[in-house]
Amino acid sequence: MVDPLDGNRVVGSFNNGDLTGRGYLAFANPTGKYLFVSLRPPSGMETDGGVAVVDTTTWRVVRNIGTEDESPIYVDFTADGKHAFVSNGHHSNIAKINIEGPPPEWELVGLTQAGVGGPYGIRLNWDDTQLWAIEKGEGSHNRGHSIGLADPIGMPRSWGSPGAWETGCIRGDHLTLHPDPALNEMWLSCNSSFEVVVWDMVNREVTARIPMPEGGSTHSGSFVRYDPDFTGELLSDHGGLHGSAFEAKLRIVAVTAQR
C-alpha cells in the first residue's frame, strides 16, 4: 500500500503467507480501517475460500471468513458498514457476512443465488435494498452477457433466473454506480464486447452503449467531478461511492430505514 500524497511512500504490505491463501482482490470497508481480500484455495480455512480481513493500521490479518466457494471474487459493503457481500464465482452465489462488533465476531450469515452464472462484480443500489451482480462466467464459460439481482435483506431470496436480464455486455467484470441518485444507473465494463453499458436499475433495461475507442477492453472506471479550478473529487469507482456521493447515500439509506 502506498500513499500518493507522500511521494507514493510505502505505508504497509502483506503477502500470501500472511493471508494463509492466494489473495486475489482487495476492498476497503466504509471506514477504511479494514481491507477485505478475497482468498483462493489453498486458504487454510475450513471451507475452500473466503476473505482475509487486514487491519490497515497494523497490516496484520485479524480474521479469515469462509464463503463456501473455491472462487470468491468481489466484495461490497452496506453503507452502515454492518454487512459485507462476496461474489462466489464457482457456485454462482453471493455470501453475506455480518461485520458488526469486533472482527473476532464477524461471520458468514447467508448465501443466495446471484441470478447469473459465474458472477464477478457486485454492487448495492442507492438504498441498499438491491444487490446487482454482473455475469462474467468466471470459472466456467467466461462469456457472460447478463445481469442478476439478489435481495441483500431477505436472503436467500433472489429475483430472476440466470439470463433474466440480457445486457449484451460480454464478459462483464465491474459495476460502477453512477454518482447521481436521480439517474439510478449502473455502468457496466464489458471487456469482450469492448464497451461500457449503462443499466437502468428502475426500468431494468439498457439505456446506452458506449463503444471504447480503438476497441479498447474495459476493466472498471470511475466518476470524478471537477471544479472550475480543475480540483477534482472522486465520487464513484470499483470500490463504491466516495466523498459527497457516499454522504448522499447515507442520507438515502437513513430515510429508507425509517419507512
Foldseek 3Di string as FASTA:
>chain_A
DFDPVPVRHDDEDDACVQQQAHWDDWFAFPVNQWIWTWGAPPGPDPAGTFTFIAGSVVRGTDDGEDPRARAWAEWAADLVRQWIWIQHQPVQKIWIWGDPDDPVPIYTDAIAHQQAHRWAEWDAFLQRQKIKTFHQNPPHPRWGFAMFIQGPPPPRGGDHHHPRQGFRQTNWHAWKADLPNVQRWIWIFRQPQQWIWIARPPVGHTDDIGHDPPSHGDDKDFDWDADPVRDIDTAMIRNGGDDPSSVVSVVSNVVVVVD
